[in-house]
Amino acid sequence: MSLRSIGTRLTLWYTGILSLTLLLLGLSAYGLLHYSLSHDIDASLSGVARIIAERVQKEGRTPFPPDVEELFRRFFGFAPANPYFDLLNPLGHPPSGPPPPPPHLPINPQALVNARHGVATFETITGIGPYPIRVLIQPVVERGQVVKVVQVGISLENMYQALHRFVLIMAAVFPLGLLLAGGGGWLLARRALRPVDHMTRAAQRISAEHLEERLLETGAGDELDRLARTLNEMLSRLDESFRQVRRFSADASHELQTPLTILKGEIEVALRAPRSPEEYQAVLKSSLEEIERISRLVEGLMLLARADSGVLRLDLKPLELHRLLAEVAAQMQRLAAAKGIKLYLDHLEPVTVCGDREHLVRLFLNLIDNAIKYTAGGGRVTLSLHREGSQVRASVTDTGIGLSQEEQEQIFTRFYRAATARSQGGGGAGLGLCIAQSIAEAHGGKIQVRSRPAQGSTFTVVLPAHC
């Protein structure tokens, strides 16, 4: 049993705390027993002294030893081996008449002074026998005057023996209690931590290839069930992340493979036989287009990777967003006109935001390019910009093919292209909207989409208005 084991440490802690608790309880019980026995002895001595004083007042004589022993037996419940009794005058001397039987106890002068003032005094005398003696000096008052002093006492042998037996019992019970408690604590710790062992073995079986496995819950609804539930949720997130990475790798490989295959094929064809300068020039031009396609794809992947790791650097400066949108629209007018699409600036409210000009230009270029790409000839794309409280909302609205609800939920996923877009032969790698969303989030904003199939779409970039 390793000391590093939680079960062992719990058992040791439980046993240690129980030991301290038992020790404190034992000391408290010992103190209470000592107080209770002392209080009972004092009360019994007071009763004996009171009865003796009453008899002295009524009969005017010293009680005989049998009478005193009977009084001790009545108040203490047993006949003490060495009861002490004296009847003295207020000065502490034996009165006239037969003296009380021995043995005699010394009397404290201060106790006599107290007695002459009508005050009873308890004291404990040592050095006479093997055990201390508890003594009571009780004044006998007649007509307001102290006429005699009664001195009664009893050895504390019985009390000390009772306390000694109590200590012996505690000394015997204490180790047994610790042994039973330690064993019980160890068994409880093992039983309580058994689900942890099961979870550990289950977790050891889970690998990157088997992330679909889950930890079993006991159904008790306790902390271990919450831990298993939390770990299962984490495994679900990891599983989804691994799936996305695998999809990302497969899609990226596919998207890179296509232009590389085209590039390789064109070069191989060009090298099979001598070509004219015009033919070589056409091959080089086509190769350059494929290289640019690869470069854009790699650049997009790098931007997404930096955004995912939180290291996307932004050169934030105050920007007049309405002017930036007008410039981007002017750049895209030629592409829109080539498809017979009208590109409108509906209403651009003058607003200023803190942003990175290069990245925001790329964001809106991607949105407008998408709108033009999936809008048929004769359609229109409209840009608008306005401020709402602490937000700036820039919208790109088209009259294109639109998106279903399911497609809207997936549209910002990497390499995702809607089915209608694929059927229409829309180009691109499916990274434009994902890049746009990453840029918006890096600026503290987001992109919202509202669309209906065959009725067009509206993509709204929401950015903070403060700078």
Protein backbone atom coordinates (compact mmCIF):
# COMPACT_ATOMS: atom_id res chain seq x y z
CA MET A 1 0.00 0.00 0.00
CA SER A 2 1.80 3.11 -1.27
CA LEU A 3 1.86 6.28 0.79
CA ARG A 4 1.15 8.19 -2.43
CA SER A 5 -2.18 6.44 -2.76
CA ILE A 6 -5.19 8.64 -2.09
CA GLY A 7 -6.80 5.77 -0.19
CA THR A 8 -3.78 5.47 2.11
CA ARG A 9 -3.62 9.20 2.71
CA LEU A 10 -7.36 9.35 3.39
CA THR A 11 -7.02 6.49 5.88
CA LEU A 12 -4.10 8.18 7.63
CA TRP A 13 -5.92 11.50 7.77
CA TYR A 14 -9.09 9.83 9.03
CA THR A 15 -7.16 7.87 11.68
CA GLY A 16 -5.19 10.94 12.74
CA ILE A 17 -8.28 13.12 13.07
CA LEU A 18 -10.08 10.35 14.94
CA SER A 19 -7.09 9.95 17.29
CA LEU A 20 -7.10 13.64 18.07
CA THR A 21 -10.88 13.57 18.54
CA LEU A 22 -10.71 10.58 20.90
CA LEU A 23 -7.88 12.17 22.84
CA LEU A 24 -9.80 15.42 23.29
CA LEU A 25 -12.95 13.51 24.23
CA GLY A 26 -10.98 11.39 26.70
CA LEU A 27 -9.43 14.44 28.35
CA SER A 28 -12.81 16.16 28.48
CA ALA A 29 -14.46 13.05 29.96
CA TYR A 30 -11.65 12.73 32.51
CA GLY A 31 -12.08 16.37 33.52
CA LEU A 32 -15.87 16.02 33.77
CA LEU A 33 -15.57 12.81 35.80
CA HIS A 34 -13.07 14.46 38.16
CA TYR A 35 -15.35 17.45 38.58
CA SER A 36 -18.43 15.28 39.11
CA LEU A 37 -16.76 13.07 41.72
CA SER A 38 -15.30 16.10 43.54
CA HIS A 39 -18.68 17.83 43.52
CA ASP A 40 -20.40 14.71 44.89
CA ILE A 41 -17.80 14.38 47.67
CA ASP A 42 -18.21 18.04 48.66
CA ALA A 43 -22.01 17.71 48.64
CA SER A 44 -21.84 14.57 50.81
CA LEU A 45 -19.44 16.20 53.25
CA SER A 46 -21.81 19.17 53.48
CA GLY A 47 -24.69 16.83 54.25
CA VAL A 48 -22.74 14.98 56.94
CA ALA A 49 -21.57 18.24 58.54
CA ARG A 50 -25.08 19.72 58.49
CA ILE A 51 -26.63 16.69 60.23
CA ILE A 52 -23.86 16.65 62.84
CA ALA A 53 -24.33 20.37 63.48
CA GLU A 54 -28.10 19.88 63.91
CA ARG A 55 -27.58 17.03 66.40
CA VAL A 56 -25.07 19.08 68.36
CA GLN A 57 -27.58 21.94 68.54
CA LYS A 58 -30.47 19.70 69.60
CA GLU A 59 -28.70 17.22 71.88
CA GLY A 60 -25.79 19.35 73.02
CA ARG A 61 -23.34 16.45 72.79
CA THR A 62 -20.81 15.01 70.33
CA PRO A 63 -22.20 12.21 68.15
CA PHE A 64 -20.81 8.75 68.75
CA PRO A 65 -18.60 7.09 66.10
CA PRO A 66 -21.33 4.66 65.01
CA ASP A 67 -23.61 7.63 64.37
CA VAL A 68 -20.93 9.32 62.24
CA GLU A 69 -20.22 6.17 60.26
CA GLU A 70 -23.93 5.77 59.58
CA LEU A 71 -24.06 9.36 58.32
CA PHE A 72 -21.13 8.76 55.99
CA ARG A 73 -22.76 5.57 54.70
CA ARG A 74 -26.04 7.40 54.08
CA PHE A 75 -24.50 10.26 52.09
CA PHE A 76 -21.64 8.45 50.33
CA GLY A 77 -23.41 5.16 49.70
CA PHE A 78 -20.63 3.19 51.36
CA ALA A 79 -18.75 3.08 54.65
CA PRO A 80 -15.40 4.80 54.10
CA ALA A 81 -12.34 3.09 55.57
CA ASN A 82 -10.97 6.22 57.20
CA PRO A 83 -13.64 8.85 57.87
CA TYR A 84 -12.48 11.95 59.71
CA PHE A 85 -14.55 13.89 62.27
CA ASP A 86 -13.78 16.56 64.87
CA LEU A 87 -15.89 18.89 67.01
CA LEU A 88 -14.00 22.07 68.02
CA ASN A 89 -14.75 25.36 69.67
CA PRO A 90 -14.49 28.56 67.63
CA LEU A 91 -10.81 28.86 68.60
CA GLY A 92 -10.00 25.42 67.21
CA HIS A 93 -9.61 23.60 70.53
CA PRO A 94 -11.54 20.53 71.63
CA PRO A 95 -14.57 21.54 73.73
CA SER A 96 -15.15 20.25 77.20
CA GLY A 97 -16.45 16.70 77.31
CA PRO A 98 -15.26 13.52 75.67
CA PRO A 99 -13.09 14.20 72.61
CA PRO A 100 -13.96 12.78 69.20
CA PRO A 101 -12.24 9.56 68.24
CA PRO A 102 -8.91 9.73 66.44
CA PRO A 103 -7.44 10.28 63.96
CA HIS A 104 -7.35 14.06 64.12
CA LEU A 105 -6.69 16.42 61.23
CA PRO A 106 -4.81 19.69 61.32
CA ILE A 107 -6.99 22.74 60.84
CA ASN A 108 -6.19 25.72 58.70
CA PRO A 109 -6.20 29.00 60.69
CA GLN A 110 -7.89 30.78 57.80
CA ALA A 111 -10.65 28.15 57.84
CA LEU A 112 -11.22 28.94 61.55
CA VAL A 113 -11.43 32.64 60.79
CA ASN A 114 -14.00 31.85 58.07
CA ALA A 115 -15.93 29.63 60.47
CA ARG A 116 -16.10 32.37 63.13
CA HIS A 117 -17.67 34.53 60.44
CA GLY A 118 -20.20 31.80 59.70
CA VAL A 119 -18.61 30.68 56.43
CA ALA A 120 -17.90 27.00 55.67
CA THR A 121 -14.55 26.15 54.08
CA PHE A 122 -13.45 23.23 51.93
CA GLU A 123 -9.80 22.29 51.69
CA THR A 124 -7.66 19.39 50.54
CA ILE A 125 -4.96 18.13 52.90
CA THR A 126 -1.97 16.13 51.71
CA GLY A 127 0.92 14.39 53.43
CA ILE A 128 -1.12 12.47 56.01
CA GLY A 129 -1.74 9.31 53.99
CA PRO A 130 -1.11 7.90 50.53
CA TYR A 131 -4.05 9.86 49.18
CA PRO A 132 -5.19 13.48 49.76
CA ILE A 133 -8.01 14.15 52.21
CA ARG A 134 -10.98 16.36 51.44
CA VAL A 135 -12.01 18.32 54.52
CA LEU A 136 -14.97 20.59 55.35
CA ILE A 137 -14.93 23.06 58.29
CA GLN A 138 -18.58 23.84 59.09
CA PRO A 139 -19.60 26.38 61.80
CA VAL A 140 -22.42 25.54 64.27
CA VAL A 141 -24.51 28.66 64.80
CA GLU A 142 -26.86 29.21 67.75
CA ARG A 143 -28.82 32.46 68.10
CA GLY A 144 -26.57 34.15 65.57
CA GLN A 145 -23.37 33.08 67.36
CA VAL A 146 -20.81 30.47 66.27
CA VAL A 147 -20.63 28.08 69.22
CA LYS A 148 -18.76 25.15 67.70
CA VAL A 149 -16.93 24.10 64.54
CA VAL A 150 -17.53 20.73 62.87
CA GLN A 151 -14.61 19.27 60.90
CA VAL A 152 -15.39 16.29 58.64
CA GLY A 153 -13.21 14.71 56.02
CA ILE A 154 -12.77 11.69 53.81
CA SER A 155 -9.87 10.20 51.94
CA LEU A 156 -9.94 10.69 48.15
CA GLU A 157 -8.72 7.14 47.65
CA ASN A 158 -11.96 5.97 46.06
CA MET A 159 -12.09 8.95 43.70
CA TYR A 160 -8.49 8.46 42.58
CA GLN A 161 -9.06 4.75 42.09
CA ALA A 162 -12.14 5.50 39.97
CA LEU A 163 -10.14 7.96 37.88
CA HIS A 164 -7.32 5.43 37.58
CA ARG A 165 -9.75 2.75 36.35
CA PHE A 166 -11.19 5.24 33.86
CA VAL A 167 -7.69 5.93 32.48
CA LEU A 168 -6.99 2.20 32.20
CA ILE A 169 -10.27 1.63 30.34
CA MET A 170 -9.53 4.50 27.96
CA ALA A 171 -5.98 3.20 27.41
CA ALA A 172 -7.42 -0.20 26.47
CA VAL A 173 -10.27 1.10 24.33
CA PHE A 174 -8.29 3.84 22.54
CA PRO A 175 -5.97 1.55 20.47
CA LEU A 176 -8.82 -0.85 19.74
CA GLY A 177 -10.99 2.03 18.54
CA LEU A 178 -8.17 3.36 16.35
CA LEU A 179 -7.54 -0.09 14.90
CA LEU A 180 -11.21 -0.59 14.04
CA ALA A 181 -11.54 2.96 12.73
CA GLY A 182 -8.39 2.68 10.63
CA GLY A 183 -9.50 -0.62 9.14
CA GLY A 184 -12.99 0.70 8.49
CA GLY A 185 -11.58 3.89 6.98
CA TRP A 186 -9.32 1.89 4.67
CA LEU A 187 -12.22 -0.28 3.51
CA LEU A 188 -14.43 2.79 2.97
CA ALA A 189 -11.66 4.58 1.08
CA ARG A 190 -11.12 1.56 -1.17
CA ARG A 191 -14.84 1.25 -1.83
CA ALA A 192 -15.24 4.97 -2.46
CA LEU A 193 -12.24 5.11 -4.81
CA ARG A 194 -13.06 1.90 -6.71
CA PRO A 195 -14.90 3.91 -9.43
CA VAL A 196 -11.72 5.96 -9.85
CA ASP A 197 -9.78 2.77 -10.58
CA HIS A 198 -12.41 1.78 -13.13
CA MET A 199 -12.22 5.23 -14.74
CA THR A 200 -8.41 5.01 -14.80
CA ARG A 201 -8.45 1.65 -16.59
CA ALA A 202 -11.09 2.91 -19.01
CA ALA A 203 -9.10 6.09 -19.70
CA GLN A 204 -5.97 4.01 -20.40
CA ARG A 205 -7.86 2.17 -23.15
CA ILE A 206 -8.88 5.44 -24.85
CA SER A 207 -6.52 6.68 -27.54
CA ALA A 208 -6.68 9.00 -30.53
CA GLU A 209 -8.07 6.11 -32.58
CA HIS A 210 -10.75 5.23 -30.00
CA LEU A 211 -12.04 8.57 -28.77
CA GLU A 212 -15.61 7.38 -29.20
CA GLU A 213 -15.34 5.33 -25.97
CA ARG A 214 -16.74 6.88 -22.81
CA LEU A 215 -16.35 6.43 -19.06
CA LEU A 216 -19.19 4.69 -17.26
CA GLU A 217 -21.12 6.53 -14.58
CA THR A 218 -22.26 4.80 -11.38
CA GLY A 219 -25.62 6.58 -11.37
CA ALA A 220 -25.13 7.79 -7.79
CA GLY A 221 -25.02 11.43 -8.88
CA ASP A 222 -22.00 12.10 -6.65
CA GLU A 223 -18.70 13.88 -7.31
CA LEU A 224 -17.27 10.87 -9.17
CA ASP A 225 -20.25 10.86 -11.51
CA ARG A 226 -19.73 14.57 -12.16
CA LEU A 227 -16.04 13.86 -12.84
CA ALA A 228 -16.94 11.06 -15.27
CA ARG A 229 -19.49 13.33 -16.97
CA THR A 230 -16.94 16.14 -17.27
CA LEU A 231 -14.31 13.78 -18.69
CA ASN A 232 -16.84 12.40 -21.17
CA GLU A 233 -17.67 15.92 -22.30
CA MET A 234 -13.96 16.62 -22.70
CA LEU A 235 -13.57 13.40 -24.72
CA SER A 236 -16.46 14.48 -26.93
CA ARG A 237 -14.75 17.81 -27.58
CA LEU A 238 -11.45 16.05 -28.27
CA ASP A 239 -13.18 13.60 -30.59
CA GLU A 240 -14.78 16.45 -32.50
CA SER A 241 -11.44 18.31 -32.63
CA PHE A 242 -9.67 15.22 -33.98
CA ARG A 243 -12.41 14.76 -36.54
CA GLN A 244 -12.04 18.38 -37.63
CA VAL A 245 -8.27 18.02 -37.84
CA ARG A 246 -8.61 14.87 -39.93
CA ARG A 247 -11.21 16.55 -42.17
CA PHE A 248 -9.02 19.64 -42.37
CA SER A 249 -5.99 17.58 -43.33
CA ALA A 250 -7.94 15.61 -45.93
CA ASP A 251 -9.56 18.73 -47.41
CA ALA A 252 -6.32 20.70 -47.41
CA SER A 253 -4.52 17.80 -49.10
CA HIS A 254 -7.29 17.59 -51.70
CA GLU A 255 -7.33 21.33 -52.34
CA LEU A 256 -3.55 21.43 -52.70
CA GLN A 257 -3.42 18.27 -54.78
CA THR A 258 -5.69 19.63 -57.51
CA PRO A 259 -3.59 22.66 -58.52
CA LEU A 260 -0.36 20.69 -58.06
CA THR A 261 -1.65 17.94 -60.34
CA ILE A 262 -2.67 20.51 -62.95
CA LEU A 263 0.69 22.26 -62.64
CA LYS A 264 2.61 18.99 -62.96
CA GLY A 265 0.54 17.81 -65.92
CA GLU A 266 0.94 21.05 -67.88
CA ILE A 267 4.70 21.10 -67.32
CA GLU A 268 5.04 17.43 -68.30
CA VAL A 269 3.03 18.02 -71.49
CA ALA A 270 5.15 21.06 -72.31
CA LEU A 271 8.36 19.03 -71.94
CA ARG A 272 7.33 16.09 -74.12
CA ALA A 273 8.12 17.91 -77.36
CA PRO A 274 9.52 21.22 -78.51
CA ARG A 275 6.99 24.03 -78.32
CA SER A 276 6.65 27.46 -79.79
CA PRO A 277 7.31 30.50 -77.59
CA GLU A 278 3.59 31.23 -77.51
CA GLU A 279 2.84 27.72 -76.26
CA TYR A 280 5.53 27.95 -73.57
CA GLN A 281 4.16 31.32 -72.57
CA ALA A 282 0.64 29.87 -72.25
CA VAL A 283 1.97 27.00 -70.08
CA LEU A 284 3.87 29.43 -67.85
CA LYS A 285 0.81 31.65 -67.54
CA SER A 286 -1.38 28.70 -66.55
CA SER A 287 1.27 27.48 -64.11
CA LEU A 288 1.47 30.92 -62.55
CA GLU A 289 -2.31 30.91 -62.01
CA GLU A 290 -2.11 27.55 -60.26
CA ILE A 291 0.81 28.76 -58.14
CA GLU A 292 -1.21 31.82 -57.15
CA ARG A 293 -4.11 29.54 -56.24
CA ILE A 294 -1.80 27.44 -54.06
CA SER A 295 -0.33 30.60 -52.53
CA ARG A 296 -3.78 31.96 -51.63
CA LEU A 297 -4.74 28.63 -50.10
CA VAL A 298 -1.56 28.40 -48.02
CA GLU A 299 -1.90 32.03 -46.96
CA GLY A 300 -5.48 31.40 -45.85
CA LEU A 301 -4.47 28.29 -43.91
CA MET A 302 -1.67 30.20 -42.19
CA LEU A 303 -4.06 33.01 -41.25
CA LEU A 304 -6.52 30.51 -39.77
CA ALA A 305 -3.74 28.75 -37.89
CA ARG A 306 -2.58 32.03 -36.37
CA ALA A 307 -6.17 32.93 -35.47
CA ASP A 308 -6.71 29.53 -33.81
CA SER A 309 -3.55 29.91 -31.72
CA GLY A 310 -4.42 33.48 -30.75
CA VAL A 311 -1.35 35.03 -32.39
CA LEU A 312 -3.06 36.80 -35.30
CA ARG A 313 -1.36 40.18 -35.26
CA LEU A 314 -3.53 43.21 -35.87
CA ASP A 315 -2.29 46.71 -36.60
CA LEU A 316 -5.24 48.48 -34.96
CA LYS A 317 -5.78 52.06 -36.02
CA PRO A 318 -8.80 54.36 -36.31
CA LEU A 319 -10.42 53.62 -39.69
CA GLU A 320 -13.26 55.36 -41.51
CA LEU A 321 -15.16 52.20 -42.31
CA HIS A 322 -17.51 53.86 -44.82
CA ARG A 323 -14.54 54.96 -46.94
CA LEU A 324 -12.96 51.51 -46.72
CA LEU A 325 -16.22 49.87 -47.92
CA ALA A 326 -16.45 52.33 -50.82
CA GLU A 327 -12.89 51.47 -51.89
CA VAL A 328 -13.54 47.72 -51.72
CA ALA A 329 -16.74 48.15 -53.73
CA ALA A 330 -14.83 50.08 -56.38
CA GLN A 331 -12.32 47.22 -56.65
CA MET A 332 -15.11 44.66 -57.10
CA GLN A 333 -17.14 46.67 -59.65
CA ARG A 334 -15.27 45.16 -62.60
CA LEU A 335 -15.87 41.57 -61.36
CA ALA A 336 -19.55 42.32 -60.79
CA ALA A 337 -19.93 43.96 -64.19
CA ALA A 338 -18.28 40.96 -65.88
CA LYS A 339 -21.13 38.77 -64.56
CA GLY A 340 -23.82 41.31 -65.30
CA ILE A 341 -24.45 42.03 -61.62
CA LYS A 342 -25.21 45.47 -60.18
CA LEU A 343 -23.14 46.40 -57.12
CA TYR A 344 -24.87 49.11 -55.06
CA LEU A 345 -23.86 51.26 -52.11
CA ASP A 346 -27.23 51.62 -50.41
CA HIS A 347 -26.42 53.69 -47.32
CA LEU A 348 -22.97 54.11 -45.81
CA GLU A 349 -23.24 55.97 -42.53
CA PRO A 350 -19.95 57.67 -41.62
CA VAL A 351 -18.46 55.64 -38.76
CA THR A 352 -14.97 55.11 -37.36
CA VAL A 353 -13.72 51.84 -35.87
CA CYS A 354 -10.41 50.54 -34.56
CA GLY A 355 -9.22 47.93 -37.01
CA ASP A 356 -6.47 46.47 -39.15
CA ARG A 357 -6.99 47.91 -42.62
CA GLU A 358 -5.42 45.00 -44.52
CA HIS A 359 -7.43 42.35 -42.71
CA LEU A 360 -10.72 44.26 -42.90
CA VAL A 361 -10.23 44.77 -46.64
CA ARG A 362 -9.72 41.02 -46.98
CA LEU A 363 -12.83 40.35 -44.92
CA PHE A 364 -15.12 42.47 -47.10
CA LEU A 365 -13.45 41.31 -50.33
CA ASN A 366 -14.28 37.73 -49.35
CA LEU A 367 -17.90 38.58 -48.54
CA ILE A 368 -18.48 40.58 -51.73
CA ASP A 369 -16.66 37.99 -53.85
CA ASN A 370 -18.90 35.27 -52.39
CA ALA A 371 -22.02 37.35 -53.07
CA ILE A 372 -21.02 37.94 -56.68
CA LYS A 373 -19.95 34.31 -57.21
CA TYR A 374 -23.31 32.86 -56.16
CA THR A 375 -25.58 35.48 -57.73
CA ALA A 376 -26.83 34.92 -61.26
CA GLY A 377 -26.42 37.50 -63.99
CA GLY A 378 -28.94 40.32 -63.73
CA GLY A 379 -28.93 40.14 -59.95
CA ARG A 380 -27.61 42.69 -57.52
CA VAL A 381 -25.32 42.97 -54.51
CA THR A 382 -25.96 45.78 -52.01
CA LEU A 383 -23.62 47.18 -49.35
CA SER A 384 -24.91 49.10 -46.34
CA LEU A 385 -23.37 50.46 -43.16
CA HIS A 386 -24.98 51.93 -40.07
CA ARG A 387 -24.40 52.29 -36.36
CA GLU A 388 -26.58 50.77 -33.62
CA GLY A 389 -25.62 51.96 -30.15
CA SER A 390 -22.17 50.59 -29.35
CA GLN A 391 -22.03 48.45 -32.52
CA VAL A 392 -21.33 49.02 -36.20
CA ARG A 393 -23.21 46.80 -38.67
CA ALA A 394 -21.89 46.42 -42.22
CA SER A 395 -24.14 44.24 -44.44
CA VAL A 396 -23.57 42.56 -47.80
CA THR A 397 -26.90 41.53 -49.36
CA ASP A 398 -27.28 39.53 -52.58
CA THR A 399 -30.09 38.07 -54.66
CA GLY A 400 -28.26 34.78 -55.17
CA ILE A 401 -28.99 31.12 -54.56
CA GLY A 402 -29.46 31.48 -50.80
CA LEU A 403 -28.78 28.95 -48.06
CA SER A 404 -30.84 26.41 -46.15
CA GLN A 405 -30.91 26.44 -42.35
CA GLU A 406 -28.54 23.48 -42.19
CA GLU A 407 -26.12 25.18 -44.58
CA GLN A 408 -26.18 28.36 -42.53
CA GLU A 409 -25.00 26.40 -39.51
CA GLN A 410 -22.05 24.97 -41.48
CA ILE A 411 -21.18 27.88 -43.74
CA PHE A 412 -18.25 29.12 -41.60
CA THR A 413 -16.65 25.67 -41.37
CA ARG A 414 -13.34 25.28 -43.19
CA PHE A 415 -13.51 23.85 -46.70
CA TYR A 416 -17.30 23.74 -46.50
CA ARG A 417 -19.24 24.62 -49.65
CA ALA A 418 -22.99 24.46 -49.92
CA ALA A 419 -24.46 21.77 -52.16
CA THR A 420 -26.02 24.38 -54.46
CA ALA A 421 -22.65 26.08 -54.78
CA ARG A 422 -20.97 22.81 -55.73
CA SER A 423 -23.68 22.03 -58.26
CA GLN A 424 -23.17 25.41 -59.89
CA GLY A 425 -19.43 24.83 -60.07
CA GLY A 426 -18.50 27.61 -57.68
CA GLY A 427 -14.76 27.82 -57.37
CA GLY A 428 -12.69 28.37 -54.27
CA ALA A 429 -11.50 26.14 -51.45
CA GLY A 430 -14.26 26.98 -48.98
CA LEU A 431 -12.02 29.09 -46.74
CA GLY A 432 -13.28 32.59 -47.53
CA LEU A 433 -16.11 32.79 -45.00
CA CYS A 434 -14.06 31.01 -42.33
CA ILE A 435 -11.26 33.54 -42.80
CA ALA A 436 -13.75 36.41 -42.70
CA GLN A 437 -15.25 35.11 -39.44
CA SER A 438 -11.77 34.73 -37.88
CA ILE A 439 -10.87 38.32 -38.81
CA ALA A 440 -14.16 39.63 -37.39
CA GLU A 441 -13.65 37.71 -34.12
CA ALA A 442 -10.06 38.98 -33.86
CA HIS A 443 -11.54 42.50 -33.93
CA GLY A 444 -13.98 41.61 -31.15
CA GLY A 445 -16.89 41.20 -33.55
CA LYS A 446 -18.77 38.49 -35.44
CA ILE A 447 -20.56 37.75 -38.70
CA GLN A 448 -24.30 37.03 -38.80
CA VAL A 449 -26.05 35.39 -41.72
CA ARG A 450 -29.70 35.57 -42.77
CA SER A 451 -30.74 33.64 -45.85
CA ARG A 452 -33.49 31.64 -47.59
CA PRO A 453 -32.99 29.25 -50.50
CA ALA A 454 -33.42 30.90 -53.91
CA GLN A 455 -34.08 34.27 -52.23
CA GLY A 456 -30.59 35.54 -51.53
CA SER A 457 -28.48 36.06 -48.42
CA THR A 458 -27.39 38.85 -46.12
CA PHE A 459 -24.04 38.66 -44.30
CA THR A 460 -23.71 41.27 -41.55
CA VAL A 461 -20.35 42.12 -39.97
CA VAL A 462 -20.87 43.38 -36.40
CA LEU A 463 -17.92 45.32 -34.95
CA PRO A 464 -17.45 47.38 -31.77
CA ALA A 465 -18.10 51.06 -32.45
CA HIS A 466 -15.67 52.37 -29.83
CA CYS A 467 -12.08 53.06 -30.71
